[in-house]
Protein backbone atom coordinates (compact mmCIF):
# COMPACT_ATOMS: atom_id res chain seq x y z
CA MET A 1 43.67 -72.08 11.81
CA ALA A 2 41.70 -70.71 8.89
CA CYS A 3 38.04 -71.57 8.47
CA ASN A 4 37.22 -73.65 5.44
CA TRP A 5 34.52 -71.78 3.52
CA LYS A 6 32.79 -75.04 2.53
CA LYS A 7 32.47 -76.08 6.18
CA CYS A 8 31.16 -72.62 7.17
CA CYS A 9 28.65 -72.63 4.32
CA CYS A 10 27.49 -76.15 5.20
CA PHE A 11 27.12 -75.19 8.89
CA CYS A 12 25.09 -72.08 7.97
CA CYS A 13 22.81 -74.14 5.70
CA ILE A 14 22.19 -76.72 8.44
CA LEU A 15 21.50 -73.94 10.95
CA MET A 16 19.07 -72.31 8.51
CA ILE A 17 17.24 -75.61 7.90
CA VAL A 18 16.91 -76.25 11.67
CA PHE A 19 15.58 -72.71 12.14
CA VAL A 20 12.99 -73.12 9.35
CA ILE A 21 11.83 -76.49 10.75
CA ALA A 22 11.53 -75.04 14.29
CA LEU A 23 9.58 -72.07 12.95
CA GLY A 24 7.25 -74.40 11.00
CA VAL A 25 6.58 -76.54 14.09
CA ALA A 26 5.86 -73.39 16.14
CA VAL A 27 3.38 -72.13 13.52
CA ILE A 28 1.58 -75.50 13.43
CA VAL A 29 1.33 -75.64 17.24
CA VAL A 30 -0.02 -72.08 17.47
CA ARG A 31 -2.57 -72.68 14.68
CA GLU A 32 -3.78 -75.95 16.18
CA TYR A 33 -4.07 -74.84 19.79
CA SER A 34 -5.15 -71.21 19.52
CA PRO A 35 -8.87 -70.48 19.32
CA LYS A 36 -10.01 -69.77 15.80
CA ARG A 37 -13.36 -68.43 16.88
CA GLY A 38 -14.33 -66.34 19.86
CA ILE A 39 -16.69 -67.32 22.63
CA LYS A 40 -20.36 -66.67 21.82
CA TYR A 41 -22.67 -65.09 24.39
CA GLU A 42 -26.44 -64.98 23.98
CA VAL A 43 -29.42 -64.54 26.27
CA THR A 44 -31.65 -67.53 25.57
CA ASP A 45 -34.39 -66.79 28.09
CA ALA A 46 -35.60 -63.84 30.14
CA SER A 47 -38.56 -63.64 32.48
CA LEU A 48 -39.84 -60.37 33.92
CA THR A 49 -42.46 -61.04 36.60
CA GLN A 50 -42.44 -57.64 38.29
CA PHE A 51 -41.69 -54.20 36.83
CA ASN A 52 -43.68 -51.62 38.81
CA LEU A 53 -42.86 -47.94 39.22
CA THR A 54 -44.12 -46.25 42.38
CA SER A 55 -45.27 -42.61 42.54
CA ASP A 56 -41.87 -41.57 43.95
CA LYS A 57 -40.10 -43.21 40.95
CA ILE A 58 -38.86 -46.32 42.71
CA LEU A 59 -38.83 -49.29 40.36
CA LYS A 60 -39.63 -52.70 41.87
CA PHE A 61 -38.34 -55.44 39.57
CA ASN A 62 -37.91 -59.19 39.30
CA LEU A 63 -35.95 -60.28 36.24
CA GLU A 64 -34.44 -63.70 35.61
CA VAL A 65 -32.16 -64.35 32.63
CA THR A 66 -30.33 -67.34 31.20
CA ILE A 67 -27.10 -66.54 29.37
CA ASN A 68 -25.65 -69.23 27.13
CA VAL A 69 -21.83 -69.22 26.90
CA GLU A 70 -20.66 -71.26 23.90
CA ASN A 71 -17.09 -72.30 23.08
CA PRO A 72 -16.91 -73.29 19.38
CA ASN A 73 -13.17 -74.11 19.47
CA LYS A 74 -11.81 -77.63 18.98
CA ARG A 75 -9.11 -77.69 21.66
CA SER A 76 -9.18 -74.64 23.93
CA ASP A 77 -11.10 -74.67 27.22
CA PHE A 78 -12.02 -71.33 28.79
CA HIS A 79 -11.85 -70.83 32.56
CA TYR A 80 -13.95 -67.95 33.90
CA GLU A 81 -12.55 -66.27 37.01
CA LYS A 82 -15.04 -63.38 36.97
CA PHE A 83 -18.49 -63.18 35.39
CA GLU A 84 -20.59 -60.17 36.33
CA ALA A 85 -23.95 -59.24 34.81
CA VAL A 86 -25.41 -55.73 35.20
CA ALA A 87 -29.04 -55.10 34.21
CA SER A 88 -30.13 -51.57 33.32
CA TYR A 89 -33.27 -49.86 32.11
CA LYS A 90 -32.97 -46.62 30.13
CA GLN A 91 -29.94 -44.90 31.72
CA ASP A 92 -30.31 -46.40 35.20
CA SER A 93 -28.50 -49.50 36.43
CA LEU A 94 -30.88 -51.80 38.26
CA MET A 95 -28.58 -54.35 39.84
CA SER A 96 -25.32 -56.26 39.48
CA VAL A 97 -25.00 -60.04 39.91
CA SER A 98 -21.73 -61.99 40.22
CA ILE A 99 -21.57 -65.60 39.05
CA ASP A 100 -19.29 -68.22 40.63
CA PRO A 101 -16.22 -69.26 38.58
CA PHE A 102 -16.86 -71.90 35.92
CA GLU A 103 -15.28 -73.57 32.89
CA VAL A 104 -16.50 -73.99 29.32
CA GLU A 105 -14.81 -76.93 27.64
CA HIS A 106 -14.05 -77.04 23.93
CA LYS A 107 -17.08 -77.56 21.66
CA ASP A 108 -19.41 -77.10 24.63
CA LYS A 109 -22.06 -74.73 26.01
CA HIS A 110 -22.58 -73.54 29.57
CA PRO A 111 -25.85 -71.92 30.71
CA VAL A 112 -25.52 -69.15 33.31
CA SER A 113 -28.58 -68.03 35.29
CA ALA A 114 -28.86 -64.63 36.94
CA LEU A 115 -31.67 -63.23 39.09
CA PHE A 116 -32.15 -59.47 39.42
CA LYS A 117 -34.69 -58.72 42.14
CA GLY A 118 -35.00 -55.52 44.14
CA GLU A 119 -35.81 -51.82 44.09
CA GLN A 120 -34.02 -48.92 42.43
CA LYS A 121 -34.63 -45.17 42.35
CA MET A 122 -35.11 -44.12 38.72
CA SER A 123 -34.29 -40.83 37.00
CA LEU A 124 -36.98 -41.02 34.31
CA PRO A 125 -38.64 -37.89 32.89
CA ASN A 126 -42.43 -37.73 33.30
CA ASP A 127 -43.19 -38.62 29.66
CA GLU A 128 -41.09 -41.81 30.02
CA VAL A 129 -42.95 -42.70 33.22
CA SER A 130 -46.32 -42.67 31.43
CA LYS A 131 -44.90 -44.76 28.53
CA MET A 132 -43.43 -47.23 30.99
CA LYS A 133 -46.69 -47.75 32.85
CA THR A 134 -48.56 -48.67 29.64
CA SER A 135 -45.86 -50.84 28.07
CA THR A 136 -45.83 -54.65 28.16
CA VAL A 137 -42.36 -55.16 26.61
CA TYR A 138 -39.31 -53.45 28.12
CA ASP A 139 -35.92 -52.65 26.59
CA ILE A 140 -33.37 -53.88 29.10
CA VAL A 141 -29.63 -53.80 28.51
CA LEU A 142 -27.60 -56.58 30.09
CA LYS A 143 -23.89 -55.75 30.36
CA LEU A 144 -21.45 -58.59 30.95
CA LYS A 145 -18.01 -58.07 32.46
CA VAL A 146 -15.93 -61.22 32.17
CA LYS A 147 -12.40 -62.28 32.95
CA HIS A 148 -11.30 -65.63 31.57
CA TRP A 149 -8.19 -67.51 30.63
CA ALA A 150 -7.33 -70.24 28.19
CA LYS A 151 -4.24 -72.36 27.84
CA TYR A 152 -2.58 -72.63 24.43
CA ALA A 153 0.06 -75.37 24.51
CA THR A 154 2.00 -74.23 27.60
CA ILE A 155 1.01 -70.55 27.50
CA LYS A 156 -1.84 -69.22 29.64
CA ILE A 157 -3.63 -66.22 28.07
CA HIS A 158 -5.84 -63.95 30.24
CA GLU A 159 -8.51 -61.72 28.73
CA ASN A 160 -10.97 -59.15 30.10
CA MET A 161 -14.08 -58.50 28.03
CA LYS A 162 -17.18 -56.35 28.17
CA MET A 163 -20.29 -57.43 26.30
CA ALA A 164 -23.71 -55.81 25.85
CA CYS A 165 -26.97 -57.68 25.26
CA ASN A 166 -30.00 -55.65 24.14
CA LEU A 167 -33.11 -57.41 25.40
CA LYS A 168 -36.80 -56.89 24.69
CA VAL A 169 -38.37 -58.55 27.70
CA PRO A 170 -42.15 -59.05 27.92
CA LEU A 171 -43.82 -58.62 31.30
CA ASN A 172 -45.29 -61.88 32.58
CA SER A 173 -48.50 -61.40 34.51
CA ASN A 174 -49.71 -64.52 36.33
CA GLY A 175 -47.11 -66.63 34.52
CA LYS A 176 -48.41 -65.63 31.08
CA SER A 177 -47.05 -63.22 28.51
CA ALA A 178 -48.68 -61.94 25.33
CA VAL A 179 -45.28 -61.87 23.59
CA LYS A 180 -42.55 -64.53 23.63
CA PHE A 181 -38.97 -63.55 24.49
CA GLU A 182 -36.63 -63.71 21.49
CA VAL A 183 -33.03 -64.89 21.87
CA ALA A 184 -30.61 -61.94 21.96
CA LYS A 185 -26.99 -62.15 20.86
CA CYS A 186 -24.43 -60.18 22.85
CA GLU A 187 -21.86 -57.93 21.18
CA LYS A 188 -18.56 -56.49 22.40
CA ALA A 189 -19.15 -53.22 24.21
């Protein structure tokens, strides 16, 4: 039985229209449910109550930071499986802190607190040691290593990120500081 060319042409047109409609629906779903803006990380507060270097170059420190995690998206919630913060001074890592898993809902903010308290052997040259002892504001780098996932329609997307926050943290002596801490935005590392 020979195929009628009108029937074949009509079938192809219907198939093409169905394909275009399905593609349009898929584009709308992806645009509506995928995040249009990335998560924002910023350090909103930092308190340094101890930052003493001993004669044998052991740094005793007590640093507390508050990191604000903001999700500006309308529909996507982000679920954090891993959130690790590493504080470092000059080239030396001071300490690493892991935060319990948490979720940041759409159009919401989540504050994360981390306490870095301890001692660390430093590899500072002598000229840096003398500068450090006279300084009242310290350049501390906070590195964030995060693993989160978000669900877009029925698809779960996992992402690993590394961020760096450059902080200028004033030393608080007796609960007072001559300089106020300024909010620091974190950038991809």
